[in-house]
N, C-alpha and C. Protein backbone atom coordinates (compact mmCIF):
# COMPACT_ATOMS: atom_id res chain seq x y z
N UNK A 1 118.90 110.82 106.94
CA UNK A 1 117.99 109.54 106.72
C UNK A 1 116.69 110.29 107.25
N UNK A 2 116.59 110.65 108.67
CA UNK A 2 115.39 110.83 108.73
C UNK A 2 114.70 112.16 108.51
N UNK A 3 115.55 113.15 107.74
CA UNK A 3 115.19 114.00 107.09
C UNK A 3 114.66 113.47 105.61
N UNK A 4 114.90 111.96 104.97
CA UNK A 4 114.39 111.73 103.90
C UNK A 4 112.59 111.42 104.18
N UNK A 5 112.64 110.79 105.50
CA UNK A 5 111.29 109.99 106.12
C UNK A 5 110.69 111.25 106.50
N UNK A 6 111.01 111.83 106.90
CA UNK A 6 110.16 113.35 107.15
C UNK A 6 109.47 114.25 105.16
N UNK A 7 110.72 114.15 104.74
CA UNK A 7 110.35 114.44 103.61
C UNK A 7 108.92 113.81 102.74
N UNK A 8 109.12 112.15 103.13
CA UNK A 8 108.25 111.35 102.52
C UNK A 8 106.98 111.13 103.35
N UNK A 9 106.67 111.87 104.21
CA UNK A 9 106.01 111.95 105.30
C UNK A 9 104.98 112.79 104.87
N UNK A 10 105.19 114.26 104.91
CA UNK A 10 105.12 115.07 104.20
C UNK A 10 104.69 115.42 102.82
N UNK A 11 105.35 114.23 101.56
CA UNK A 11 104.45 114.52 100.26
C UNK A 11 103.38 113.68 100.09
N UNK A 12 102.34 114.05 99.29
CA UNK A 12 101.39 113.55 98.98
C UNK A 12 101.71 112.23 98.37
N UNK A 13 100.77 111.17 98.30
CA UNK A 13 101.16 109.91 97.50
C UNK A 13 101.05 109.95 96.08
N UNK A 14 101.40 109.21 95.47
CA UNK A 14 101.51 109.26 94.06
C UNK A 14 100.15 108.93 93.69
N UNK A 15 99.44 109.02 92.40
CA UNK A 15 98.28 108.60 91.93
C UNK A 15 98.61 107.01 91.70
N UNK A 16 99.46 106.00 91.32
CA UNK A 16 99.62 104.91 91.47
C UNK A 16 100.48 104.55 92.85
N UNK A 17 100.48 103.03 92.75
CA UNK A 17 101.34 102.94 94.04
C UNK A 17 102.80 103.13 93.60
N UNK A 18 103.91 103.57 94.34
CA UNK A 18 105.55 103.39 94.09
C UNK A 18 105.61 101.98 93.22
N UNK A 19 106.73 102.18 92.23
CA UNK A 19 107.24 101.16 91.43
C UNK A 19 107.99 100.61 92.48
N UNK A 20 107.96 99.51 91.99
CA UNK A 20 109.21 98.34 92.53
C UNK A 20 110.40 98.87 91.76
N UNK A 21 111.23 98.45 93.43
CA UNK A 21 112.85 98.59 93.07
C UNK A 21 113.45 98.08 92.16
N UNK A 22 112.90 97.54 91.54
CA UNK A 22 113.21 96.35 90.14
C UNK A 22 113.41 96.71 88.85
N UNK A 23 111.73 98.00 88.97
CA UNK A 23 111.71 98.73 87.59
C UNK A 23 112.50 100.16 87.68
N UNK A 24 112.74 100.50 86.37
CA UNK A 24 113.52 101.12 85.90
C UNK A 24 112.60 103.02 86.05
N UNK A 25 111.11 102.63 86.24
CA UNK A 25 110.30 103.64 86.57
C UNK A 25 110.79 104.75 87.38
N UNK A 26 110.78 106.02 86.53
CA UNK A 26 111.28 107.43 86.80
C UNK A 26 110.11 107.68 88.02
N UNK A 27 110.40 108.31 89.30
CA UNK A 27 109.52 108.72 90.69
C UNK A 27 108.84 110.27 89.45
N UNK A 28 107.87 110.68 89.90
CA UNK A 28 107.13 111.88 89.71
C UNK A 28 107.84 113.02 90.87
N UNK A 29 107.79 113.89 89.56
CA UNK A 29 108.17 115.56 90.61
C UNK A 29 107.35 115.73 91.23
N UNK A 30 107.81 116.21 92.16
CA UNK A 30 106.89 116.76 93.42
C UNK A 30 106.18 117.96 92.77
N UNK A 31 104.99 118.49 93.07
CA UNK A 31 104.24 119.84 92.59
C UNK A 31 103.23 120.30 93.85
N UNK A 32 102.98 121.82 93.83
CA UNK A 32 102.25 122.50 94.69
C UNK A 32 101.08 121.92 94.82
N UNK A 33 101.09 121.46 93.66
CA UNK A 33 99.12 121.32 93.42
C UNK A 33 98.94 119.63 93.93
N UNK A 34 99.99 119.02 94.50
CA UNK A 34 99.34 117.54 95.51
C UNK A 34 98.72 117.89 96.55
N UNK A 35 97.83 117.18 96.72
CA UNK A 35 97.56 116.97 98.05
C UNK A 35 98.28 116.27 98.80
N UNK A 36 98.01 117.11 100.17
CA UNK A 36 99.07 116.69 101.46
C UNK A 36 98.90 115.23 101.89
N UNK A 37 99.55 114.36 102.29
CA UNK A 37 98.93 112.66 102.08
C UNK A 37 98.03 112.67 103.91
N UNK A 38 97.56 112.19 104.18
CA UNK A 38 96.38 111.95 104.90
C UNK A 38 96.61 111.43 106.51
N UNK A 39 97.64 110.78 106.20
CA UNK A 39 98.37 110.51 107.19
C UNK A 39 100.14 109.22 106.84
N UNK A 40 100.87 109.35 107.89
CA UNK A 40 102.17 108.87 107.35
C UNK A 40 102.02 107.50 107.28
N UNK A 41 102.75 106.95 106.18
CA UNK A 41 103.11 105.84 105.93
C UNK A 41 104.73 105.21 105.85
N UNK A 42 104.42 104.13 107.09
CA UNK A 42 106.31 104.23 106.71
C UNK A 42 106.79 102.78 105.30
N UNK A 43 105.48 102.53 105.61
CA UNK A 43 105.82 101.76 103.65
C UNK A 43 106.55 102.62 102.86
N UNK A 44 105.51 103.40 102.82
CA UNK A 44 105.35 103.99 101.48
C UNK A 44 106.64 105.02 101.39
N UNK A 45 107.08 105.32 102.58
CA UNK A 45 108.14 106.27 102.48
C UNK A 45 109.52 105.43 102.62
N UNK A 46 109.67 104.36 102.77
CA UNK A 46 110.75 103.27 102.58
C UNK A 46 110.89 103.15 101.27
N UNK A 47 109.79 103.05 100.63
CA UNK A 47 109.35 102.38 99.07
C UNK A 47 109.60 103.89 98.35
N UNK A 48 109.80 105.25 98.86
CA UNK A 48 109.93 106.18 98.46
C UNK A 48 111.83 106.23 97.88
N UNK A 49 112.53 106.29 99.35
CA UNK A 49 113.58 106.36 99.34
C UNK A 49 114.23 105.39 98.76
N UNK A 50 114.15 103.90 98.40
CA UNK A 50 114.32 103.31 97.98
C UNK A 50 114.40 103.42 96.73
N UNK A 51 113.00 103.78 95.85
CA UNK A 51 113.42 103.98 94.27
C UNK A 51 113.66 105.24 94.06
N UNK A 52 114.05 106.18 95.09
CA UNK A 52 115.34 107.20 94.63
C UNK A 52 116.32 107.22 94.15
N UNK A 53 116.97 106.36 95.39
CA UNK A 53 118.75 106.00 95.32
C UNK A 53 118.27 104.75 94.60
N UNK A 54 117.83 104.17 93.84
CA UNK A 54 118.10 103.49 92.72
C UNK A 54 117.61 104.20 91.18
N UNK A 55 116.70 105.18 91.67
CA UNK A 55 117.21 105.56 90.09
C UNK A 55 118.08 107.07 89.87
N UNK A 56 118.96 107.03 91.02
CA UNK A 56 119.96 108.08 90.88
C UNK A 56 121.02 107.04 90.74
N UNK A 57 120.98 106.17 91.02
CA UNK A 57 122.36 105.51 91.42
C UNK A 57 122.34 104.64 89.40
N UNK A 58 121.38 104.27 88.65
CA UNK A 58 120.91 103.99 87.44
C UNK A 58 121.45 105.30 86.90
N UNK A 59 120.83 106.28 86.62
CA UNK A 59 120.34 107.07 85.65
C UNK A 59 122.12 107.89 85.73
N UNK A 60 123.05 108.18 86.97
CA UNK A 60 123.96 108.81 87.16
C UNK A 60 125.35 107.91 87.04
N UNK A 61 124.95 106.83 87.27
CA UNK A 61 126.12 106.15 87.77
C UNK A 61 126.85 106.65 88.66
N UNK A 62 126.29 106.92 89.98
CA UNK A 62 126.86 107.73 90.87
C UNK A 62 126.24 107.50 92.41
N UNK A 63 127.22 107.25 92.99
CA UNK A 63 126.93 107.09 94.52
C UNK A 63 125.89 108.62 95.25
N UNK A 64 126.03 109.91 95.13
CA UNK A 64 125.46 110.80 95.80
C UNK A 64 126.00 110.97 96.99
N UNK A 65 126.50 111.56 97.02
CA UNK A 65 127.30 112.22 98.40
C UNK A 65 126.05 112.16 99.61
N UNK A 66 125.06 112.85 99.40
CA UNK A 66 124.12 113.47 100.04
C UNK A 66 122.83 113.09 99.82
N UNK A 67 122.72 111.23 98.90
CA UNK A 67 121.70 110.63 99.31
C UNK A 67 122.21 109.05 99.53
N UNK A 68 123.11 108.55 98.69
CA UNK A 68 123.19 107.31 98.88
C UNK A 68 124.07 107.22 99.72
N UNK A 69 125.23 107.90 100.07
CA UNK A 69 125.97 107.47 101.49
C UNK A 69 124.78 106.85 102.79
N UNK A 70 124.18 108.24 102.90
CA UNK A 70 123.39 108.09 104.34
C UNK A 70 122.64 107.22 104.19
N UNK A 71 121.96 107.04 102.89
CA UNK A 71 121.04 105.24 102.84
C UNK A 71 121.73 104.30 102.90
N UNK A 72 123.03 104.86 102.48
CA UNK A 72 123.59 102.67 102.96
C UNK A 72 124.20 102.41 103.93
N UNK A 73 124.24 103.90 105.28
CA UNK A 73 124.23 104.11 106.20
C UNK A 73 123.19 103.29 107.20
N UNK A 74 121.77 103.79 106.41
CA UNK A 74 120.80 103.78 107.69
C UNK A 74 119.53 102.65 107.60
N UNK A 75 119.34 102.69 105.89
CA UNK A 75 118.81 101.90 105.26
C UNK A 75 118.72 100.02 106.14
N UNK A 76 119.65 100.24 106.77
CA UNK A 76 119.38 98.75 107.28
C UNK A 76 118.48 98.97 108.74
N UNK A 77 118.33 100.68 109.10
CA UNK A 77 117.20 100.24 110.39
C UNK A 77 115.76 100.36 110.04
N UNK A 78 116.08 99.94 108.60
CA UNK A 78 114.29 99.18 108.20
C UNK A 78 114.09 98.38 107.90
N UNK A 79 114.49 97.12 108.38
CA UNK A 79 114.74 95.94 107.36
C UNK A 79 113.55 95.21 107.53
N UNK A 80 112.51 95.98 108.71
CA UNK A 80 110.98 95.40 108.32
C UNK A 80 110.62 95.33 106.95
N UNK A 81 111.03 96.19 106.35
CA UNK A 81 110.85 96.30 105.19
C UNK A 81 111.75 95.69 103.92
N UNK A 82 111.39 94.69 103.77
CA UNK A 82 112.75 94.09 102.53
C UNK A 82 112.90 94.42 101.59
N UNK A 83 113.62 94.91 100.23
CA UNK A 83 113.87 95.27 99.02
C UNK A 83 115.13 94.35 98.59
N UNK A 84 115.13 94.01 97.45
CA UNK A 84 116.52 94.34 96.73
C UNK A 84 117.35 95.42 96.48
N UNK A 85 117.09 96.80 97.00
CA UNK A 85 117.14 97.92 96.49
C UNK A 85 118.37 98.00 97.54
N UNK A 86 118.98 98.29 98.74
CA UNK A 86 119.89 98.06 99.69
C UNK A 86 121.25 97.26 99.06
N UNK A 87 120.77 96.50 98.38
CA UNK A 87 121.91 95.63 97.81
C UNK A 87 122.35 95.68 96.47
N UNK A 88 121.33 96.16 95.71
CA UNK A 88 122.03 97.08 94.74
C UNK A 88 122.64 98.49 94.65
N UNK A 89 122.35 99.26 95.78
CA UNK A 89 123.17 100.53 95.91
C UNK A 89 124.97 100.10 96.56
N UNK A 90 124.22 99.25 97.77
CA UNK A 90 125.67 98.74 98.05
C UNK A 90 126.49 98.05 96.89
N UNK A 91 126.17 97.11 96.31
CA UNK A 91 127.07 96.62 95.40
C UNK A 91 127.40 97.76 94.05
N UNK A 92 127.20 98.64 93.93
CA UNK A 92 127.30 99.72 93.27
C UNK A 92 128.28 100.32 93.97
N UNK A 93 128.48 100.33 95.11
CA UNK A 93 129.91 100.73 95.88
C UNK A 93 131.10 99.93 95.58
N UNK A 94 130.29 98.79 96.30
CA UNK A 94 131.74 97.67 95.95
C UNK A 94 132.53 97.41 94.96
N UNK A 95 131.42 97.70 93.99
CA UNK A 95 131.74 97.71 92.64
C UNK A 95 132.91 99.07 92.33
N UNK A 96 132.19 100.05 92.62
CA UNK A 96 133.63 101.46 92.32
C UNK A 96 134.60 101.42 93.22
N UNK A 97 134.39 100.27 94.37
CA UNK A 97 135.81 99.85 95.23
C UNK A 97 136.90 99.11 94.19
N UNK A 98 136.45 97.70 93.73
CA UNK A 98 137.02 97.03 93.14
C UNK A 98 137.45 97.53 92.17
N UNK A 99 137.14 98.56 91.52
CA UNK A 99 137.86 98.60 90.23
C UNK A 99 138.57 100.22 90.76
N UNK A 100 138.80 100.44 91.49
CA UNK A 100 139.60 101.53 91.34
C UNK A 100 141.38 102.02 90.95
N UNK A 101 141.85 100.56 90.99
CA UNK A 101 142.71 100.31 90.27
C UNK A 101 142.89 100.28 89.17
N UNK A 102 141.80 99.96 88.75
CA UNK A 102 141.73 100.04 86.80
C UNK A 102 142.57 101.33 86.05
N UNK A 103 143.22 100.66 85.50
CA UNK A 103 143.74 101.96 84.21
C UNK A 103 142.93 102.74 83.51
N UNK A 104 141.67 102.47 83.55
CA UNK A 104 140.05 103.68 83.07
C UNK A 104 140.35 104.65 84.02
N UNK A 105 140.33 106.20 83.36
CA UNK A 105 140.11 107.29 84.47
C UNK A 105 138.82 107.44 85.00
N UNK A 106 137.68 106.90 84.45
CA UNK A 106 136.35 106.91 84.59
C UNK A 106 135.96 105.68 86.05
N UNK A 107 136.87 104.64 86.14
CA UNK A 107 137.16 104.45 87.15
C UNK A 107 137.93 104.54 88.99
N UNK A 108 138.23 105.06 88.59
CA UNK A 108 138.94 105.83 89.60
C UNK A 108 138.55 106.68 90.58
N UNK A 109 138.76 106.90 91.69
CA UNK A 109 137.93 107.52 92.68
C UNK A 109 137.93 109.11 91.67
N UNK A 110 136.63 109.48 92.08
CA UNK A 110 136.36 110.75 91.56
C UNK A 110 137.54 112.26 92.59
N UNK A 111 137.54 111.70 93.40
CA UNK A 111 138.03 112.79 94.09
C UNK A 111 138.30 112.11 95.78
N UNK A 112 139.45 112.42 96.25
CA UNK A 112 140.49 111.94 97.13
C UNK A 112 139.09 111.12 98.39
N UNK A 113 138.23 112.55 98.70
CA UNK A 113 137.23 112.00 99.68
C UNK A 113 136.40 111.15 99.32
N UNK A 114 136.15 110.62 97.90
CA UNK A 114 135.43 109.93 97.48
C UNK A 114 135.63 108.15 98.07
N UNK A 115 136.86 108.13 98.37
CA UNK A 115 137.46 106.33 99.20
C UNK A 115 137.06 106.74 100.73
N UNK A 116 137.65 108.00 101.50
CA UNK A 116 137.11 107.89 102.89
C UNK A 116 135.31 107.51 102.95
N UNK A 117 134.70 108.49 102.16
CA UNK A 117 133.29 108.43 102.33
C UNK A 117 132.26 107.24 101.78
N UNK A 118 133.13 106.21 101.26
CA UNK A 118 132.67 105.37 100.56
C UNK A 118 132.44 104.13 101.29
N UNK A 119 134.32 104.08 102.45
CA UNK A 119 134.39 103.37 103.09
C UNK A 119 133.94 103.69 104.21
N UNK A 120 133.50 104.61 104.63
CA UNK A 120 132.65 104.40 105.85
C UNK A 120 131.23 104.28 105.97
N UNK A 121 130.70 104.49 104.25
CA UNK A 121 128.98 104.42 104.11
C UNK A 121 129.37 102.87 104.50
N UNK A 122 130.13 101.94 103.83
CA UNK A 122 130.25 100.61 103.84
C UNK A 122 130.06 99.94 104.84
N UNK A 123 131.46 100.55 105.58
CA UNK A 123 131.50 99.92 107.11
C UNK A 123 130.24 99.99 108.38
N UNK A 124 129.61 101.24 107.88
CA UNK A 124 128.15 102.07 108.74
C UNK A 124 127.78 100.80 108.69
N UNK A 125 127.27 100.18 106.99
CA UNK A 125 126.31 99.45 106.62
C UNK A 125 126.66 97.70 107.05
N UNK A 126 128.06 97.57 106.61
CA UNK A 126 128.21 96.31 107.64
C UNK A 126 128.23 95.80 109.10
N UNK A 127 128.36 97.32 109.93
CA UNK A 127 127.80 97.05 111.53
C UNK A 127 126.34 97.06 111.63
N UNK A 128 125.40 97.32 110.79
CA UNK A 128 124.32 97.27 110.88
C UNK A 128 123.38 95.92 110.28
N UNK A 129 124.89 95.82 109.27
CA UNK A 129 123.92 94.46 109.00
C UNK A 129 124.73 92.72 109.33
N UNK A 130 125.73 92.58 109.14
CA UNK A 130 126.51 91.16 109.61
C UNK A 130 127.16 91.67 110.90
N UNK A 131 127.70 92.82 111.51
CA UNK A 131 128.27 93.11 112.30
C UNK A 131 129.65 92.78 112.29
N UNK A 132 129.93 92.79 110.55
CA UNK A 132 131.62 92.13 110.75
C UNK A 132 131.80 93.12 109.81
N UNK A 133 133.10 93.70 109.06
CA UNK A 133 133.64 94.43 107.74
C UNK A 133 133.36 93.32 106.86
N UNK A 134 133.26 93.48 105.70
CA UNK A 134 133.16 92.83 104.40
C UNK A 134 134.25 92.99 103.51
N UNK A 135 134.78 91.85 103.22
CA UNK A 135 136.22 91.92 102.27
C UNK A 135 135.78 92.41 101.02
N UNK A 136 136.06 92.48 100.09
CA UNK A 136 136.24 92.52 98.52
C UNK A 136 137.54 91.61 98.30
N UNK A 137 136.72 90.24 97.74
CA UNK A 137 137.97 89.41 96.99
C UNK A 137 137.96 89.92 95.22
N UNK A 138 138.33 91.18 94.58
CA UNK A 138 138.28 90.91 93.62
C UNK A 138 138.75 89.42 92.53
N UNK A 139 138.49 90.11 91.11
CA UNK A 139 139.07 88.24 90.97
C UNK A 139 140.73 88.67 90.59
N UNK A 140 141.47 87.83 89.45
CA UNK A 140 143.08 88.05 89.15
C UNK A 140 142.76 89.04 88.34
N UNK A 141 144.17 90.17 88.83
CA UNK A 141 144.13 91.05 87.79
C UNK A 141 145.45 90.86 86.95
N UNK A 142 145.27 90.90 85.41
CA UNK A 142 146.03 90.88 84.42
C UNK A 142 147.18 91.73 84.23
N UNK A 143 146.70 92.95 84.65
CA UNK A 143 147.78 94.29 85.03
C UNK A 143 148.63 94.11 86.06
N UNK A 144 148.79 93.15 87.15
CA UNK A 144 149.47 92.81 87.94
C UNK A 144 150.21 91.74 87.93
N UNK A 145 151.54 92.21 87.94
CA UNK A 145 152.68 90.61 87.88
C UNK A 145 152.32 90.28 89.21
N UNK A 146 151.90 88.61 89.19
CA UNK A 146 151.95 87.91 90.03
C UNK A 146 153.43 87.85 91.22
N UNK A 147 154.48 88.18 90.36
CA UNK A 147 155.63 88.29 91.46
C UNK A 147 155.55 89.16 92.39
N UNK A 148 154.99 90.35 92.18
CA UNK A 148 154.92 91.67 93.09
C UNK A 148 154.07 91.77 93.31
N UNK A 149 152.99 90.35 93.67
CA UNK A 149 152.31 90.26 95.33
C UNK A 149 152.95 89.49 96.31
């Protein structure tokens, strides 16, 4: 997370304000021609990482091991900058977990490490927010015989 903040610190501000995490606006690509920001803005840094996390999740339907796992673990430390972005990213991971037992191949974990990584990121997020592990309570599963429960 600190690497993301450092990167955002040295990046120049875009010509317009950062998009709200509620929009699907794409971030502009960095350019060598951009001016360097005159001063560090934690608020703009947070907006940048929120927007990047949402953009990646929405475009790729993927949690991104090197971006959104650390984002989910570290974003609660920036709670003085409220945003719907952390909730949307967390919901993405919760939905992945809730559907891993579905019969569709695309719902299953992509690799074994995804299970451990997702559980770790969610647990870190729980520790930093509520202090309690959040349980998933998916609805009834028509493919499971109630007698087997």
